[in-house]
């Protein structure tokens, strides 16, 4: 059981930790650097780089989510059953659904729109329909990140609490 819990914790930490770093640190830092150094087309470069990083991150996230689900089910079958197993599986299923939607649908829509616009969306007039659409998609993306991180931290708390009962 300890090995399964360790693998579950590792998968969860990589998945959620990666999302925190990728969503909270990388874009802000990259935009600060290109703006401070006045890199020509820097914002477009950051957007392109972030799109590739996000695509690769999603592959890691899918693997981690699958590993986490497999270890949770294995622990259920081998015993002792994890506390609130049904709630955990439901929450994990929701996190997986949000991650799949983000990676398979939302990211592609954002990339297509950025290609159509051809310039940073922030340079368009505030009432431009494309800027509004980009802001809406970006807001949805940020909301999914926040919800996934919150759910993942809750699962991490549960895993930590399970460890205190094993002694």
Foldseek 3Di string as FASTA:
>chain_A
DVVLLVLLLVLLCLLLVVLCCLVPPQLVVQVVVCVVVVPVLSVVVSVVVSLVVLLVSLVSNLVSLVSNLVSLVVCVVVDDHQPPSVVLNVLSVVLNVLSCCVNPPLSVVLVVLCVVVVHPLVVDPPPDPSNVVNVVSVVSNVVSSVSNSVSSVVVSVSSVVVVVVVD
